Amino acid sequence: MYEYDEECLQVFLDRQGQLFDEPVAETLEEAEAFLEDCMAVVVDSIQEVANYFLEEGVDVEGMSLEELEEASEVFTLPSGKYLIVES
């Protein structure tokens, strides 16, 4: 199981509204449990985000890397990595 660092959990807590209408977590512990339940992944680059979506069968043909970065499932982390949360 993937372990999410505090940066990842805090970004998800702060920006979960980009993906959900109502909060799904209120604490770091709840955020971690939620991310584990939906098997969220962290990748190192936007190209890896594109590769992940392709592997998962998501139609990203014609989408630019910038458009992928703005997808509601993609959370840009301050470290330059990306959290992908599929609900």
PDB file of N, CA and C in Angstrom:
ATOM      1  N   MET A   1       0.841  -1.182   0.000  1.00  0.00           N
ATOM      2  CA  MET A   1       0.000   0.000   0.000  1.00  0.00           C
ATOM      3  C   MET A   1       0.886   1.246   0.000  1.00  0.00           C
ATOM      4  N   TYR A   2       0.481   2.243  -0.720  1.00  0.00           N
ATOM      5  CA  TYR A   2       1.255   3.475  -0.852  1.00  0.00           C
ATOM      6  C   TYR A   2       1.133   4.313   0.417  1.00  0.00           C
ATOM      7  N   GLU A   3       2.230   4.921   0.828  1.00  0.00           N
ATOM      8  CA  GLU A   3       2.186   5.841   1.960  1.00  0.00           C
ATOM      9  C   GLU A   3       2.238   7.266   1.427  1.00  0.00           C
ATOM     10  N   TYR A   4       1.304   8.075   1.864  1.00  0.00           N
ATOM     11  CA  TYR A   4       1.201   9.456   1.410  1.00  0.00           C
ATOM     12  C   TYR A   4       1.888  10.361   2.426  1.00  0.00           C
ATOM     13  N   ASP A   5       2.760  11.253   1.934  1.00  0.00           N
ATOM     14  CA  ASP A   5       3.443  12.150   2.863  1.00  0.00           C
ATOM     15  C   ASP A   5       2.527  13.319   3.236  1.00  0.00           C
ATOM     16  N   GLU A   6       2.969  14.096   4.217  1.00  0.00           N
ATOM     17  CA  GLU A   6       2.134  15.180   4.732  1.00  0.00           C
ATOM     18  C   GLU A   6       1.817  16.213   3.657  1.00  0.00           C
ATOM     19  N   GLU A   7       2.760  16.489   2.769  1.00  0.00           N
ATOM     20  CA  GLU A   7       2.514  17.442   1.670  1.00  0.00           C
ATOM     21  C   GLU A   7       1.324  16.982   0.833  1.00  0.00           C
ATOM     22  N   CYS A   8       1.338  15.733   0.467  1.00  0.00           N
ATOM     23  CA  CYS A   8       0.283  15.155  -0.360  1.00  0.00           C
ATOM     24  C   CYS A   8      -1.065  15.226   0.348  1.00  0.00           C
ATOM     25  N   LEU A   9      -1.088  14.837   1.608  1.00  0.00           N
ATOM     26  CA  LEU A   9      -2.335  14.841   2.377  1.00  0.00           C
ATOM     27  C   LEU A   9      -2.881  16.248   2.553  1.00  0.00           C
ATOM     28  N   GLN A  10      -1.998  17.207   2.827  1.00  0.00           N
ATOM     29  CA  GLN A  10      -2.447  18.587   3.044  1.00  0.00           C
ATOM     30  C   GLN A  10      -2.997  19.197   1.761  1.00  0.00           C
ATOM     31  N   VAL A  11      -2.337  18.948   0.636  1.00  0.00           N
ATOM     32  CA  VAL A  11      -2.831  19.464  -0.640  1.00  0.00           C
ATOM     33  C   VAL A  11      -4.200  18.872  -0.937  1.00  0.00           C
ATOM     34  N   PHE A  12      -4.359  17.574  -0.702  1.00  0.00           N
ATOM     35  CA  PHE A  12      -5.666  16.964  -0.947  1.00  0.00           C
ATOM     36  C   PHE A  12      -6.733  17.587  -0.039  1.00  0.00           C
ATOM     37  N   LEU A  13      -6.425  17.739   1.245  1.00  0.00           N
ATOM     38  CA  LEU A  13      -7.384  18.358   2.165  1.00  0.00           C
ATOM     39  C   LEU A  13      -7.775  19.759   1.708  1.00  0.00           C
ATOM     40  N   ASP A  14      -6.786  20.545   1.335  1.00  0.00           N
ATOM     41  CA  ASP A  14      -7.029  21.935   0.950  1.00  0.00           C
ATOM     42  C   ASP A  14      -7.790  22.064  -0.364  1.00  0.00           C
ATOM     43  N   ARG A  15      -7.587  21.104  -1.283  1.00  0.00           N
ATOM     44  CA  ARG A  15      -8.139  21.265  -2.627  1.00  0.00           C
ATOM     45  C   ARG A  15      -9.127  20.182  -3.034  1.00  0.00           C
ATOM     46  N   GLN A  16      -9.633  19.412  -2.083  1.00  0.00           N
ATOM     47  CA  GLN A  16     -10.554  18.323  -2.425  1.00  0.00           C
ATOM     48  C   GLN A  16     -11.822  18.825  -3.117  1.00  0.00           C
ATOM     49  N   GLY A  17     -12.133  20.091  -2.952  1.00  0.00           N
ATOM     50  CA  GLY A  17     -13.299  20.677  -3.602  1.00  0.00           C
ATOM     51  C   GLY A  17     -13.207  20.713  -5.112  1.00  0.00           C
ATOM     52  N   GLN A  18     -12.003  20.575  -5.663  1.00  0.00           N
ATOM     53  CA  GLN A  18     -11.878  20.552  -7.121  1.00  0.00           C
ATOM     54  C   GLN A  18     -12.427  19.251  -7.704  1.00  0.00           C
ATOM     55  N   LEU A  19     -12.578  18.233  -6.857  1.00  0.00           N
ATOM     56  CA  LEU A  19     -13.059  16.934  -7.334  1.00  0.00           C
ATOM     57  C   LEU A  19     -14.411  16.551  -6.738  1.00  0.00           C
ATOM     58  N   PHE A  20     -14.681  17.020  -5.524  1.00  0.00           N
ATOM     59  CA  PHE A  20     -15.894  16.629  -4.826  1.00  0.00           C
ATOM     60  C   PHE A  20     -16.722  17.851  -4.438  1.00  0.00           C
ATOM     61  N   ASP A  21     -18.050  17.692  -4.474  1.00  0.00           N
ATOM     62  CA  ASP A  21     -18.949  18.778  -4.097  1.00  0.00           C
ATOM     63  C   ASP A  21     -18.934  19.031  -2.591  1.00  0.00           C
ATOM     64  N   GLU A  22     -18.715  17.979  -1.824  1.00  0.00           N
ATOM     65  CA  GLU A  22     -18.668  18.093  -0.370  1.00  0.00           C
ATOM     66  C   GLU A  22     -17.366  17.478   0.123  1.00  0.00           C
ATOM     67  N   PRO A  23     -16.846  17.952   1.239  1.00  0.00           N
ATOM     68  CA  PRO A  23     -15.595  17.390   1.763  1.00  0.00           C
ATOM     69  C   PRO A  23     -15.719  15.895   2.058  1.00  0.00           C
ATOM     70  N   VAL A  24     -14.678  15.156   1.713  1.00  0.00           N
ATOM     71  CA  VAL A  24     -14.635  13.727   2.012  1.00  0.00           C
ATOM     72  C   VAL A  24     -13.703  13.447   3.187  1.00  0.00           C
ATOM     73  N   ALA A  25     -12.934  14.460   3.599  1.00  0.00           N
ATOM     74  CA  ALA A  25     -12.013  14.315   4.725  1.00  0.00           C
ATOM     75  C   ALA A  25     -11.846  15.662   5.412  1.00  0.00           C
ATOM     76  N   GLU A  26     -11.670  15.612   6.730  1.00  0.00           N
ATOM     77  CA  GLU A  26     -11.467  16.844   7.494  1.00  0.00           C
ATOM     78  C   GLU A  26     -10.131  16.869   8.228  1.00  0.00           C
ATOM     79  N   THR A  27      -9.475  15.721   8.340  1.00  0.00           N
ATOM     80  CA  THR A  27      -8.181  15.640   9.016  1.00  0.00           C
ATOM     81  C   THR A  27      -7.189  14.930   8.109  1.00  0.00           C
ATOM     82  N   LEU A  28      -5.914  15.023   8.458  1.00  0.00           N
ATOM     83  CA  LEU A  28      -4.890  14.323   7.679  1.00  0.00           C
ATOM     84  C   LEU A  28      -5.133  12.814   7.705  1.00  0.00           C
ATOM     85  N   GLU A  29      -5.563  12.297   8.859  1.00  0.00           N
ATOM     86  CA  GLU A  29      -5.829  10.861   8.981  1.00  0.00           C
ATOM     87  C   GLU A  29      -6.987  10.442   8.073  1.00  0.00           C
ATOM     88  N   GLU A  30      -8.045  11.233   8.040  1.00  0.00           N
ATOM     89  CA  GLU A  30      -9.178  10.927   7.160  1.00  0.00           C
ATOM     90  C   GLU A  30      -8.765  11.028   5.696  1.00  0.00           C
ATOM     91  N   ALA A  31      -7.935  12.004   5.370  1.00  0.00           N
ATOM     92  CA  ALA A  31      -7.456  12.149   3.997  1.00  0.00           C
ATOM     93  C   ALA A  31      -6.645  10.927   3.589  1.00  0.00           C
ATOM     94  N   GLU A  32      -5.771  10.482   4.483  1.00  0.00           N
ATOM     95  CA  GLU A  32      -4.956   9.306   4.177  1.00  0.00           C
ATOM     96  C   GLU A  32      -5.825   8.068   3.970  1.00  0.00           C
ATOM     97  N   ALA A  33      -6.803   7.873   4.837  1.00  0.00           N
ATOM     98  CA  ALA A  33      -7.705   6.724   4.707  1.00  0.00           C
ATOM     99  C   ALA A  33      -8.473   6.786   3.391  1.00  0.00           C
ATOM    100  N   PHE A  34      -8.944   7.974   3.029  1.00  0.00           N
ATOM    101  CA  PHE A  34      -9.697   8.118   1.784  1.00  0.00           C
ATOM    102  C   PHE A  34      -8.806   7.817   0.579  1.00  0.00           C
ATOM    103  N   LEU A  35      -7.603   8.385   0.561  1.00  0.00           N
ATOM    104  CA  LEU A  35      -6.695   8.160  -0.565  1.00  0.00           C
ATOM    105  C   LEU A  35      -6.319   6.689  -0.684  1.00  0.00           C
ATOM    106  N   GLU A  36      -6.131   6.022   0.443  1.00  0.00           N
ATOM    107  CA  GLU A  36      -5.847   4.586   0.412  1.00  0.00           C
ATOM    108  C   GLU A  36      -7.027   3.815  -0.150  1.00  0.00           C
ATOM    109  N   ASP A  37      -8.237   4.177   0.282  1.00  0.00           N
ATOM    110  CA  ASP A  37      -9.442   3.476  -0.183  1.00  0.00           C
ATOM    111  C   ASP A  37      -9.629   3.585  -1.689  1.00  0.00           C
ATOM    112  N   CYS A  38      -9.339   4.740  -2.241  1.00  0.00           N
ATOM    113  CA  CYS A  38      -9.538   4.895  -3.691  1.00  0.00           C
ATOM    114  C   CYS A  38      -8.243   4.650  -4.469  1.00  0.00           C
ATOM    115  N   MET A  39      -7.223   4.158  -3.783  1.00  0.00           N
ATOM    116  CA  MET A  39      -5.942   3.785  -4.395  1.00  0.00           C
ATOM    117  C   MET A  39      -5.347   4.921  -5.223  1.00  0.00           C
ATOM    118  N   ALA A  40      -5.337   6.110  -4.643  1.00  0.00           N
ATOM    119  CA  ALA A  40      -4.726   7.264  -5.300  1.00  0.00           C
ATOM    120  C   ALA A  40      -3.230   7.001  -5.477  1.00  0.00           C
ATOM    121  N   VAL A  41      -2.675   7.590  -6.519  1.00  0.00           N
ATOM    122  CA  VAL A  41      -1.249   7.399  -6.791  1.00  0.00           C
ATOM    123  C   VAL A  41      -0.552   8.750  -6.887  1.00  0.00           C
ATOM    124  N   VAL A  42       0.740   8.714  -6.609  1.00  0.00           N
ATOM    125  CA  VAL A  42       1.592   9.891  -6.758  1.00  0.00           C
ATOM    126  C   VAL A  42       2.612   9.556  -7.832  1.00  0.00           C
ATOM    127  N   VAL A  43       2.748  10.465  -8.803  1.00  0.00           N
ATOM    128  CA  VAL A  43       3.723  10.276  -9.880  1.00  0.00           C
ATOM    129  C   VAL A  43       4.642  11.492  -9.941  1.00  0.00           C
ATOM    130  N   ASP A  44       5.766  11.319 -10.616  1.00  0.00           N
ATOM    131  CA  ASP A  44       6.821  12.339 -10.616  1.00  0.00           C
ATOM    132  C   ASP A  44       6.682  13.426 -11.666  1.00  0.00           C
ATOM    133  N   SER A  45       5.881  13.187 -12.715  1.00  0.00           N
ATOM    134  CA  SER A  45       5.813  14.183 -13.798  1.00  0.00           C
ATOM    135  C   SER A  45       4.444  14.149 -14.460  1.00  0.00           C
ATOM    136  N   ILE A  46       4.156  15.196 -15.204  1.00  0.00           N
ATOM    137  CA  ILE A  46       2.880  15.256 -15.921  1.00  0.00           C
ATOM    138  C   ILE A  46       2.835  14.191 -17.017  1.00  0.00           C
ATOM    139  N   GLN A  47       3.985  13.822 -17.567  1.00  0.00           N
ATOM    140  CA  GLN A  47       4.022  12.740 -18.558  1.00  0.00           C
ATOM    141  C   GLN A  47       3.614  11.421 -17.910  1.00  0.00           C
ATOM    142  N   GLU A  48       4.006  11.219 -16.654  1.00  0.00           N
ATOM    143  CA  GLU A  48       3.589  10.011 -15.943  1.00  0.00           C
ATOM    144  C   GLU A  48       2.090  10.031 -15.657  1.00  0.00           C
ATOM    145  N   VAL A  49       1.512  11.219 -15.487  1.00  0.00           N
ATOM    146  CA  VAL A  49       0.060  11.343 -15.342  1.00  0.00           C
ATOM    147  C   VAL A  49      -0.601  10.841 -16.631  1.00  0.00           C
ATOM    148  N   ALA A  50      -0.100  11.304 -17.773  1.00  0.00           N
ATOM    149  CA  ALA A  50      -0.649  10.871 -19.064  1.00  0.00           C
ATOM    150  C   ALA A  50      -0.516   9.360 -19.225  1.00  0.00           C
ATOM    151  N   ASN A  51       0.645   8.825 -18.884  1.00  0.00           N
ATOM    152  CA  ASN A  51       0.858   7.379 -18.991  1.00  0.00           C
ATOM    153  C   ASN A  51      -0.094   6.606 -18.080  1.00  0.00           C
ATOM    154  N   TYR A  52      -0.293   7.110 -16.872  1.00  0.00           N
ATOM    155  CA  TYR A  52      -1.213   6.461 -15.930  1.00  0.00           C
ATOM    156  C   TYR A  52      -2.619   6.405 -16.514  1.00  0.00           C
ATOM    157  N   PHE A  53      -3.103   7.530 -17.028  1.00  0.00           N
ATOM    158  CA  PHE A  53      -4.444   7.553 -17.599  1.00  0.00           C
ATOM    159  C   PHE A  53      -4.557   6.596 -18.788  1.00  0.00           C
ATOM    160  N   LEU A  54      -3.534   6.559 -19.621  1.00  0.00           N
ATOM    161  CA  LEU A  54      -3.555   5.634 -20.764  1.00  0.00           C
ATOM    162  C   LEU A  54      -3.624   4.187 -20.290  1.00  0.00           C
ATOM    163  N   GLU A  55      -2.820   3.848 -19.271  1.00  0.00           N
ATOM    164  CA  GLU A  55      -2.821   2.486 -18.732  1.00  0.00           C
ATOM    165  C   GLU A  55      -4.175   2.128 -18.123  1.00  0.00           C
ATOM    166  N   GLU A  56      -4.869   3.117 -17.572  1.00  0.00           N
ATOM    167  CA  GLU A  56      -6.173   2.891 -16.945  1.00  0.00           C
ATOM    168  C   GLU A  56      -7.312   2.925 -17.961  1.00  0.00           C
ATOM    169  N   GLY A  57      -6.999   3.183 -19.220  1.00  0.00           N
ATOM    170  CA  GLY A  57      -8.014   3.187 -20.259  1.00  0.00           C
ATOM    171  C   GLY A  57      -8.797   4.479 -20.371  1.00  0.00           C
ATOM    172  N   VAL A  58      -8.269   5.553 -19.782  1.00  0.00           N
ATOM    173  CA  VAL A  58      -8.926   6.853 -19.867  1.00  0.00           C
ATOM    174  C   VAL A  58      -8.569   7.477 -21.210  1.00  0.00           C
ATOM    175  N   ASP A  59      -9.567   7.999 -21.910  1.00  0.00           N
ATOM    176  CA  ASP A  59      -9.335   8.611 -23.213  1.00  0.00           C
ATOM    177  C   ASP A  59      -8.737  10.005 -23.023  1.00  0.00           C
ATOM    178  N   VAL A  60      -7.431  10.121 -23.254  1.00  0.00           N
ATOM    179  CA  VAL A  60      -6.751  11.404 -23.140  1.00  0.00           C
ATOM    180  C   VAL A  60      -6.214  11.872 -24.492  1.00  0.00           C
ATOM    181  N   GLU A  61      -6.624  11.175 -25.548  1.00  0.00           N
ATOM    182  CA  GLU A  61      -6.168  11.537 -26.884  1.00  0.00           C
ATOM    183  C   GLU A  61      -6.605  12.962 -27.211  1.00  0.00           C
ATOM    184  N   GLY A  62      -5.678  13.741 -27.680  1.00  0.00           N
ATOM    185  CA  GLY A  62      -5.978  15.120 -28.038  1.00  0.00           C
ATOM    186  C   GLY A  62      -5.839  16.090 -26.884  1.00  0.00           C
ATOM    187  N   MET A  63      -5.620  15.583 -25.674  1.00  0.00           N
ATOM    188  CA  MET A  63      -5.445  16.479 -24.526  1.00  0.00           C
ATOM    189  C   MET A  63      -3.971  16.867 -24.407  1.00  0.00           C
ATOM    190  N   SER A  64      -3.744  18.146 -24.185  1.00  0.00           N
ATOM    191  CA  SER A  64      -2.370  18.600 -23.961  1.00  0.00           C
ATOM    192  C   SER A  64      -1.963  18.277 -22.532  1.00  0.00           C
ATOM    193  N   LEU A  65      -0.671  18.337 -22.265  1.00  0.00           N
ATOM    194  CA  LEU A  65      -0.198  18.108 -20.906  1.00  0.00           C
ATOM    195  C   LEU A  65      -0.767  19.152 -19.954  1.00  0.00           C
ATOM    196  N   GLU A  66      -0.946  20.378 -20.445  1.00  0.00           N
ATOM    197  CA  GLU A  66      -1.533  21.434 -19.622  1.00  0.00           C
ATOM    198  C   GLU A  66      -2.983  21.104 -19.263  1.00  0.00           C
ATOM    199  N   GLU A  67      -3.721  20.552 -20.222  1.00  0.00           N
ATOM    200  CA  GLU A  67      -5.107  20.162 -19.949  1.00  0.00           C
ATOM    201  C   GLU A  67      -5.164  19.016 -18.945  1.00  0.00           C
ATOM    202  N   LEU A  68      -4.240  18.087 -19.052  1.00  0.00           N
ATOM    203  CA  LEU A  68      -4.174  16.997 -18.083  1.00  0.00           C
ATOM    204  C   LEU A  68      -3.886  17.535 -16.688  1.00  0.00           C
ATOM    205  N   GLU A  69      -2.996  18.506 -16.612  1.00  0.00           N
ATOM    206  CA  GLU A  69      -2.626  19.092 -15.328  1.00  0.00           C
ATOM    207  C   GLU A  69      -3.824  19.771 -14.668  1.00  0.00           C
ATOM    208  N   GLU A  70      -4.775  20.248 -15.463  1.00  0.00           N
ATOM    209  CA  GLU A  70      -5.948  20.936 -14.954  1.00  0.00           C
ATOM    210  C   GLU A  70      -7.136  20.004 -14.697  1.00  0.00           C
ATOM    211  N   ALA A  71      -6.975  18.714 -14.984  1.00  0.00           N
ATOM    212  CA  ALA A  71      -8.059  17.753 -14.755  1.00  0.00           C
ATOM    213  C   ALA A  71      -8.401  17.708 -13.273  1.00  0.00           C
ATOM    214  N   SER A  72      -9.671  17.547 -12.957  1.00  0.00           N
ATOM    215  CA  SER A  72     -10.108  17.584 -11.560  1.00  0.00           C
ATOM    216  C   SER A  72      -9.498  16.449 -10.734  1.00  0.00           C
ATOM    217  N   GLU A  73      -9.099  15.361 -11.370  1.00  0.00           N
ATOM    218  CA  GLU A  73      -8.512  14.227 -10.657  1.00  0.00           C
ATOM    219  C   GLU A  73      -7.034  14.424 -10.342  1.00  0.00           C
ATOM    220  N   VAL A  74      -6.429  15.461 -10.898  1.00  0.00           N
ATOM    221  CA  VAL A  74      -4.984  15.675 -10.771  1.00  0.00           C
ATOM    222  C   VAL A  74      -4.716  16.841  -9.823  1.00  0.00           C
ATOM    223  N   PHE A  75      -3.936  16.561  -8.797  1.00  0.00           N
ATOM    224  CA  PHE A  75      -3.551  17.568  -7.814  1.00  0.00           C
ATOM    225  C   PHE A  75      -2.052  17.801  -7.939  1.00  0.00           C
ATOM    226  N   THR A  76      -1.668  19.016  -8.290  1.00  0.00           N
ATOM    227  CA  THR A  76      -0.245  19.357  -8.400  1.00  0.00           C
ATOM    228  C   THR A  76       0.305  19.625  -7.011  1.00  0.00           C
ATOM    229  N   LEU A  77       1.388  18.948  -6.677  1.00  0.00           N
ATOM    230  CA  LEU A  77       2.010  19.103  -5.367  1.00  0.00           C
ATOM    231  C   LEU A  77       3.137  20.127  -5.437  1.00  0.00           C
ATOM    232  N   PRO A  78       3.399  20.857  -4.361  1.00  0.00           N
ATOM    233  CA  PRO A  78       4.469  21.860  -4.361  1.00  0.00           C
ATOM    234  C   PRO A  78       5.838  21.288  -4.743  1.00  0.00           C
ATOM    235  N   SER A  79       6.053  20.011  -4.471  1.00  0.00           N
ATOM    236  CA  SER A  79       7.341  19.380  -4.787  1.00  0.00           C
ATOM    237  C   SER A  79       7.513  19.129  -6.278  1.00  0.00           C
ATOM    238  N   GLY A  80       6.438  19.352  -7.065  1.00  0.00           N
ATOM    239  CA  GLY A  80       6.503  19.097  -8.498  1.00  0.00           C
ATOM    240  C   GLY A  80       5.913  17.759  -8.890  1.00  0.00           C
ATOM    241  N   LYS A  81       5.544  16.959  -7.915  1.00  0.00           N
ATOM    242  CA  LYS A  81       4.901  15.679  -8.196  1.00  0.00           C
ATOM    243  C   LYS A  81       3.403  15.902  -8.383  1.00  0.00           C
ATOM    244  N   TYR A  82       2.702  14.823  -8.721  1.00  0.00           N
ATOM    245  CA  TYR A  82       1.262  14.897  -8.974  1.00  0.00           C
ATOM    246  C   TYR A  82       0.547  13.782  -8.232  1.00  0.00           C
ATOM    247  N   LEU A  83      -0.553  14.127  -7.578  1.00  0.00           N
ATOM    248  CA  LEU A  83      -1.433  13.170  -6.939  1.00  0.00           C
ATOM    249  C   LEU A  83      -2.610  12.947  -7.873  1.00  0.00           C
ATOM    250  N   ILE A  84      -2.903  11.685  -8.175  1.00  0.00           N
ATOM    251  CA  ILE A  84      -4.042  11.340  -9.037  1.00  0.00           C
ATOM    252  C   ILE A  84      -5.071  10.619  -8.167  1.00  0.00           C
ATOM    253  N   VAL A  85      -6.270  11.194  -8.106  1.00  0.00           N
ATOM    254  CA  VAL A  85      -7.348  10.634  -7.283  1.00  0.00           C
ATOM    255  C   VAL A  85      -8.523  10.310  -8.204  1.00  0.00           C
ATOM    256  N   GLU A  86      -8.774   9.038  -8.390  1.00  0.00           N
ATOM    257  CA  GLU A  86      -9.935   8.630  -9.180  1.00  0.00           C
ATOM    258  C   GLU A  86     -11.048   8.259  -8.222  1.00  0.00           C
ATOM    259  N   SER A  87     -12.170   8.933  -8.343  1.00  0.00           N
ATOM    260  CA  SER A  87     -13.270   8.645  -7.419  1.00  0.00           C
ATOM    261  C   SER A  87     -14.287   7.713  -8.021  1.00  0.00           C
TER     262      SER A  87
END
